[in-house]
Amino acid sequence: MTRRVRCSQCGMLYDISTGRCPKCDTPPYQENRRATLTVDIAHHGQRMHDAIEQFEEALQQARDQGYGYLRLIVGSGKINKELALDLETARWRGLIKSYQYDDPNLGAYLVKLAYDRKT
């Protein structure tokens, strides 16, 4: 299935699977590099499994759309502690550069995403 995006620099419509705009070489979603995607994964009665699944989906969405940061609202309970383990794993795997509490809110993490040099 082809997914087309419009280049934020030149306006050309192209297939996202090409990885870059064929006209001006801009990565898709370049305007998102300085933006933050915010997702609440712990305030709607989620169970641990559901919250972790939501985290993985949010991380994939943020990476697919080229966001620079992902802000995860997690509350201060068990999900917060469990998510720290998943964030450390994501950092170890190279999916994120770093993570920290979104100071002063200890119920939210701010995650800096990692990308290879091509994107």
N, C-alpha and C. Protein backbone atom coordinates (compact mmCIF):
# COMPACT_ATOMS: atom_id res chain seq x y z
N MET A 1 0.85 -1.18 0.00
CA MET A 1 0.00 0.00 0.00
C MET A 1 0.89 1.24 0.00
N THR A 2 0.64 2.12 -0.91
CA THR A 2 1.41 3.35 -1.03
C THR A 2 0.86 4.41 -0.09
N ARG A 3 1.76 5.06 0.62
CA ARG A 3 1.36 6.17 1.49
C ARG A 3 2.08 7.41 1.01
N ARG A 4 1.31 8.40 0.62
CA ARG A 4 1.88 9.61 0.05
C ARG A 4 1.86 10.74 1.08
N VAL A 5 2.91 11.53 1.06
CA VAL A 5 3.02 12.70 1.94
C VAL A 5 3.41 13.90 1.09
N ARG A 6 3.12 15.08 1.62
CA ARG A 6 3.50 16.31 0.96
C ARG A 6 4.76 16.86 1.63
N CYS A 7 5.75 17.20 0.85
CA CYS A 7 7.02 17.72 1.37
C CYS A 7 6.78 19.06 2.05
N SER A 8 7.33 19.21 3.25
CA SER A 8 7.14 20.44 4.00
C SER A 8 7.98 21.59 3.46
N GLN A 9 8.96 21.27 2.61
CA GLN A 9 9.83 22.31 2.06
C GLN A 9 9.38 22.79 0.69
N CYS A 10 9.14 21.87 -0.24
CA CYS A 10 8.82 22.27 -1.62
C CYS A 10 7.38 21.99 -2.03
N GLY A 11 6.66 21.19 -1.23
CA GLY A 11 5.25 20.92 -1.52
C GLY A 11 4.99 19.74 -2.44
N MET A 12 6.01 19.08 -2.91
CA MET A 12 5.82 17.93 -3.81
C MET A 12 5.17 16.77 -3.08
N LEU A 13 4.23 16.10 -3.72
CA LEU A 13 3.57 14.92 -3.19
C LEU A 13 4.39 13.70 -3.64
N TYR A 14 4.78 12.84 -2.67
CA TYR A 14 5.61 11.68 -3.02
C TYR A 14 5.30 10.51 -2.11
N ASP A 15 5.73 9.32 -2.51
CA ASP A 15 5.55 8.09 -1.76
C ASP A 15 6.54 8.09 -0.59
N ILE A 16 6.03 7.95 0.64
CA ILE A 16 6.88 8.02 1.83
C ILE A 16 7.93 6.91 1.85
N SER A 17 7.69 5.80 1.17
CA SER A 17 8.66 4.71 1.19
C SER A 17 9.97 5.09 0.51
N THR A 18 10.00 6.16 -0.26
CA THR A 18 11.24 6.61 -0.89
C THR A 18 12.20 7.18 0.14
N GLY A 19 11.68 7.59 1.30
CA GLY A 19 12.52 8.05 2.40
C GLY A 19 12.85 9.52 2.40
N ARG A 20 12.83 10.16 1.24
CA ARG A 20 13.14 11.58 1.12
C ARG A 20 12.39 12.13 -0.09
N CYS A 21 12.18 13.42 -0.06
CA CYS A 21 11.54 14.07 -1.21
C CYS A 21 12.46 13.94 -2.42
N PRO A 22 11.96 13.43 -3.53
CA PRO A 22 12.81 13.27 -4.71
C PRO A 22 13.19 14.61 -5.35
N LYS A 23 12.48 15.67 -5.02
CA LYS A 23 12.77 16.98 -5.60
C LYS A 23 13.83 17.75 -4.80
N CYS A 24 13.65 17.83 -3.46
CA CYS A 24 14.55 18.68 -2.66
C CYS A 24 15.33 17.91 -1.59
N ASP A 25 15.13 16.59 -1.50
CA ASP A 25 15.88 15.72 -0.59
C ASP A 25 15.56 15.93 0.90
N THR A 26 14.40 16.51 1.21
CA THR A 26 13.99 16.73 2.59
C THR A 26 13.35 15.45 3.14
N PRO A 27 13.73 15.03 4.36
CA PRO A 27 13.09 13.86 4.95
C PRO A 27 11.61 14.13 5.21
N PRO A 28 10.77 13.09 5.18
CA PRO A 28 9.35 13.29 5.48
C PRO A 28 9.16 13.80 6.90
N TYR A 29 8.16 14.62 7.08
CA TYR A 29 7.79 15.16 8.38
C TYR A 29 8.93 15.98 9.00
N GLN A 30 9.74 16.63 8.19
CA GLN A 30 10.85 17.43 8.69
C GLN A 30 10.40 18.44 9.74
N GLU A 31 9.19 19.00 9.55
CA GLU A 31 8.69 20.01 10.50
C GLU A 31 8.44 19.43 11.89
N ASN A 32 8.33 18.12 12.01
CA ASN A 32 8.10 17.48 13.30
C ASN A 32 9.37 17.30 14.13
N ARG A 33 10.54 17.50 13.53
CA ARG A 33 11.81 17.24 14.23
C ARG A 33 11.94 18.03 15.53
N ARG A 34 11.37 19.23 15.57
CA ARG A 34 11.47 20.04 16.79
C ARG A 34 10.19 19.95 17.63
N ALA A 35 9.23 19.18 17.17
CA ALA A 35 7.94 19.08 17.84
C ALA A 35 7.89 17.88 18.78
N THR A 36 6.90 17.90 19.67
CA THR A 36 6.70 16.84 20.65
C THR A 36 5.32 16.23 20.47
N LEU A 37 5.26 14.93 20.35
CA LEU A 37 3.99 14.21 20.34
C LEU A 37 3.68 13.82 21.78
N THR A 38 2.50 14.20 22.27
CA THR A 38 2.10 13.88 23.64
C THR A 38 1.02 12.81 23.64
N VAL A 39 1.22 11.77 24.46
CA VAL A 39 0.28 10.66 24.55
C VAL A 39 0.05 10.32 26.02
N ASP A 40 -1.21 10.19 26.42
CA ASP A 40 -1.58 9.81 27.78
C ASP A 40 -1.79 8.30 27.80
N ILE A 41 -0.95 7.57 28.54
CA ILE A 41 -1.07 6.11 28.53
C ILE A 41 -1.44 5.53 29.89
N ALA A 42 -1.85 6.37 30.84
CA ALA A 42 -2.11 5.80 32.16
C ALA A 42 -3.30 6.40 32.89
N HIS A 43 -4.15 7.12 32.25
CA HIS A 43 -5.22 7.79 32.97
C HIS A 43 -6.62 7.39 32.50
N HIS A 44 -6.72 6.32 31.81
CA HIS A 44 -8.04 5.88 31.34
C HIS A 44 -8.33 4.46 31.81
N GLY A 45 -7.83 4.10 32.98
CA GLY A 45 -8.07 2.78 33.54
C GLY A 45 -7.29 1.67 32.85
N GLN A 46 -6.20 2.00 32.17
CA GLN A 46 -5.42 0.98 31.48
C GLN A 46 -4.78 0.02 32.46
N ARG A 47 -4.71 -1.21 32.01
CA ARG A 47 -3.93 -2.20 32.72
C ARG A 47 -2.49 -2.05 32.24
N MET A 48 -1.57 -2.66 32.95
CA MET A 48 -0.16 -2.55 32.63
C MET A 48 0.11 -2.93 31.17
N HIS A 49 -0.40 -4.07 30.76
CA HIS A 49 -0.19 -4.56 29.40
C HIS A 49 -0.69 -3.54 28.38
N ASP A 50 -1.87 -2.97 28.62
CA ASP A 50 -2.44 -1.99 27.69
C ASP A 50 -1.59 -0.73 27.60
N ALA A 51 -1.09 -0.28 28.74
CA ALA A 51 -0.26 0.93 28.77
C ALA A 51 1.05 0.71 28.01
N ILE A 52 1.67 -0.44 28.19
CA ILE A 52 2.92 -0.74 27.49
C ILE A 52 2.66 -0.85 25.99
N GLU A 53 1.56 -1.45 25.62
CA GLU A 53 1.20 -1.54 24.20
C GLU A 53 0.97 -0.14 23.62
N GLN A 54 0.31 0.73 24.38
CA GLN A 54 0.10 2.12 23.95
C GLN A 54 1.44 2.84 23.79
N PHE A 55 2.36 2.60 24.71
CA PHE A 55 3.69 3.20 24.61
C PHE A 55 4.36 2.77 23.31
N GLU A 56 4.33 1.48 23.01
CA GLU A 56 4.98 0.97 21.80
C GLU A 56 4.35 1.57 20.55
N GLU A 57 3.01 1.71 20.54
CA GLU A 57 2.33 2.33 19.41
C GLU A 57 2.69 3.81 19.28
N ALA A 58 2.75 4.51 20.42
CA ALA A 58 3.11 5.94 20.41
C ALA A 58 4.55 6.12 19.92
N LEU A 59 5.45 5.26 20.37
CA LEU A 59 6.83 5.34 19.94
C LEU A 59 6.93 5.11 18.43
N GLN A 60 6.21 4.13 17.93
CA GLN A 60 6.22 3.86 16.49
C GLN A 60 5.63 5.03 15.72
N GLN A 61 4.53 5.60 16.19
CA GLN A 61 3.92 6.75 15.53
C GLN A 61 4.88 7.93 15.50
N ALA A 62 5.51 8.22 16.64
CA ALA A 62 6.44 9.34 16.72
C ALA A 62 7.62 9.14 15.77
N ARG A 63 8.14 7.93 15.70
CA ARG A 63 9.25 7.65 14.79
C ARG A 63 8.79 7.71 13.33
N ASP A 64 7.64 7.12 13.03
CA ASP A 64 7.12 7.14 11.65
C ASP A 64 6.91 8.56 11.15
N GLN A 65 6.46 9.44 12.05
CA GLN A 65 6.13 10.80 11.65
C GLN A 65 7.26 11.79 11.94
N GLY A 66 8.41 11.28 12.35
CA GLY A 66 9.60 12.09 12.48
C GLY A 66 9.61 13.10 13.61
N TYR A 67 8.86 12.84 14.68
CA TYR A 67 8.88 13.76 15.82
C TYR A 67 10.25 13.72 16.49
N GLY A 68 10.64 14.84 17.07
CA GLY A 68 11.89 14.90 17.81
C GLY A 68 11.75 14.36 19.21
N TYR A 69 10.53 14.51 19.77
CA TYR A 69 10.30 14.13 21.16
C TYR A 69 8.95 13.45 21.31
N LEU A 70 8.86 12.63 22.33
CA LEU A 70 7.62 11.97 22.71
C LEU A 70 7.41 12.24 24.19
N ARG A 71 6.28 12.83 24.53
CA ARG A 71 5.94 13.08 25.93
C ARG A 71 4.89 12.06 26.34
N LEU A 72 5.20 11.27 27.36
CA LEU A 72 4.32 10.21 27.82
C LEU A 72 3.76 10.58 29.18
N ILE A 73 2.44 10.71 29.26
CA ILE A 73 1.77 10.97 30.53
C ILE A 73 1.49 9.61 31.15
N VAL A 74 2.09 9.34 32.32
CA VAL A 74 2.03 8.00 32.89
C VAL A 74 1.51 7.94 34.32
N GLY A 75 1.32 9.07 34.97
CA GLY A 75 0.91 9.06 36.37
C GLY A 75 2.07 8.66 37.27
N SER A 76 1.76 8.39 38.51
CA SER A 76 2.85 8.10 39.47
C SER A 76 2.80 6.68 40.02
N GLY A 77 1.99 5.82 39.44
CA GLY A 77 1.84 4.47 39.97
C GLY A 77 2.73 3.44 39.31
N LYS A 78 2.22 2.21 39.26
CA LYS A 78 2.98 1.07 38.74
C LYS A 78 3.40 1.25 37.29
N ILE A 79 2.53 1.85 36.49
CA ILE A 79 2.85 2.02 35.07
C ILE A 79 4.10 2.87 34.91
N ASN A 80 4.26 3.88 35.73
CA ASN A 80 5.43 4.75 35.69
C ASN A 80 6.70 3.93 35.87
N LYS A 81 6.73 3.09 36.87
CA LYS A 81 7.91 2.29 37.17
C LYS A 81 8.18 1.24 36.08
N GLU A 82 7.14 0.61 35.60
CA GLU A 82 7.29 -0.39 34.55
C GLU A 82 7.76 0.26 33.25
N LEU A 83 7.22 1.42 32.95
CA LEU A 83 7.60 2.09 31.70
C LEU A 83 9.08 2.47 31.70
N ALA A 84 9.63 2.80 32.85
CA ALA A 84 11.06 3.12 32.92
C ALA A 84 11.91 1.97 32.39
N LEU A 85 11.51 0.74 32.65
CA LEU A 85 12.23 -0.42 32.13
C LEU A 85 12.12 -0.51 30.62
N ASP A 86 10.94 -0.24 30.09
CA ASP A 86 10.74 -0.28 28.64
C ASP A 86 11.49 0.86 27.95
N LEU A 87 11.54 2.01 28.59
CA LEU A 87 12.30 3.13 28.04
C LEU A 87 13.79 2.81 28.00
N GLU A 88 14.28 2.19 29.04
CA GLU A 88 15.70 1.81 29.06
C GLU A 88 16.00 0.81 27.96
N THR A 89 15.09 -0.13 27.73
CA THR A 89 15.26 -1.09 26.65
C THR A 89 15.26 -0.39 25.30
N ALA A 90 14.35 0.56 25.10
CA ALA A 90 14.29 1.32 23.84
C ALA A 90 15.58 2.12 23.64
N ARG A 91 16.14 2.67 24.70
CA ARG A 91 17.40 3.40 24.59
C ARG A 91 18.53 2.44 24.21
N TRP A 92 18.57 1.30 24.85
CA TRP A 92 19.58 0.30 24.56
C TRP A 92 19.50 -0.18 23.11
N ARG A 93 18.28 -0.30 22.58
CA ARG A 93 18.07 -0.74 21.19
C ARG A 93 18.32 0.36 20.17
N GLY A 94 18.54 1.60 20.64
CA GLY A 94 18.82 2.71 19.73
C GLY A 94 17.58 3.38 19.17
N LEU A 95 16.41 3.08 19.74
CA LEU A 95 15.17 3.70 19.26
C LEU A 95 14.99 5.10 19.82
N ILE A 96 15.56 5.34 21.00
CA ILE A 96 15.51 6.66 21.61
C ILE A 96 16.92 7.05 22.05
N LYS A 97 17.16 8.37 22.12
CA LYS A 97 18.47 8.84 22.59
C LYS A 97 18.49 8.91 24.10
N SER A 98 17.41 9.43 24.67
CA SER A 98 17.39 9.61 26.12
C SER A 98 15.94 9.77 26.59
N TYR A 99 15.77 9.72 27.90
CA TYR A 99 14.47 9.97 28.51
C TYR A 99 14.70 10.53 29.90
N GLN A 100 13.75 11.31 30.35
CA GLN A 100 13.81 11.88 31.69
C GLN A 100 12.40 12.27 32.11
N TYR A 101 12.23 12.50 33.40
CA TYR A 101 10.95 13.03 33.84
C TYR A 101 10.77 14.40 33.23
N ASP A 102 9.54 14.71 32.89
CA ASP A 102 9.23 16.02 32.32
C ASP A 102 9.09 17.00 33.48
N ASP A 103 10.23 17.45 33.98
CA ASP A 103 10.34 18.29 35.17
C ASP A 103 9.41 19.50 35.09
N PRO A 104 8.64 19.76 36.10
CA PRO A 104 8.61 19.15 37.43
C PRO A 104 7.59 18.03 37.56
N ASN A 105 7.00 17.57 36.47
CA ASN A 105 5.95 16.56 36.52
C ASN A 105 6.55 15.16 36.55
N LEU A 106 6.55 14.53 37.72
CA LEU A 106 7.09 13.19 37.85
C LEU A 106 6.14 12.12 37.32
N GLY A 107 5.00 12.54 36.80
CA GLY A 107 4.04 11.61 36.20
C GLY A 107 4.09 11.64 34.69
N ALA A 108 5.17 12.21 34.14
CA ALA A 108 5.33 12.26 32.68
C ALA A 108 6.80 12.12 32.33
N TYR A 109 7.06 11.44 31.22
CA TYR A 109 8.42 11.31 30.70
C TYR A 109 8.54 12.11 29.42
N LEU A 110 9.69 12.71 29.21
CA LEU A 110 10.03 13.35 27.95
C LEU A 110 11.12 12.50 27.31
N VAL A 111 10.83 11.99 26.13
CA VAL A 111 11.70 11.06 25.44
C VAL A 111 12.27 11.73 24.19
N LYS A 112 13.58 11.71 24.03
CA LYS A 112 14.21 12.24 22.83
C LYS A 112 14.43 11.07 21.89
N LEU A 113 13.89 11.16 20.68
CA LEU A 113 13.95 10.06 19.74
C LEU A 113 15.29 10.03 19.02
N ALA A 114 15.68 8.85 18.58
CA ALA A 114 16.94 8.66 17.84
C ALA A 114 16.60 8.30 16.40
N TYR A 115 17.38 8.83 15.49
CA TYR A 115 17.23 8.54 14.07
C TYR A 115 18.60 8.28 13.49
N ASP A 116 18.63 7.49 12.42
CA ASP A 116 19.91 7.32 11.76
C ASP A 116 20.22 8.59 10.96
N ARG A 117 21.37 8.67 10.39
CA ARG A 117 21.81 9.90 9.72
C ARG A 117 21.02 10.22 8.47
N LYS A 118 20.37 9.25 7.87
CA LYS A 118 19.62 9.48 6.63
C LYS A 118 18.34 10.26 6.85
N THR A 119 17.76 10.22 8.07
CA THR A 119 16.47 10.85 8.26
C THR A 119 16.54 12.07 9.13
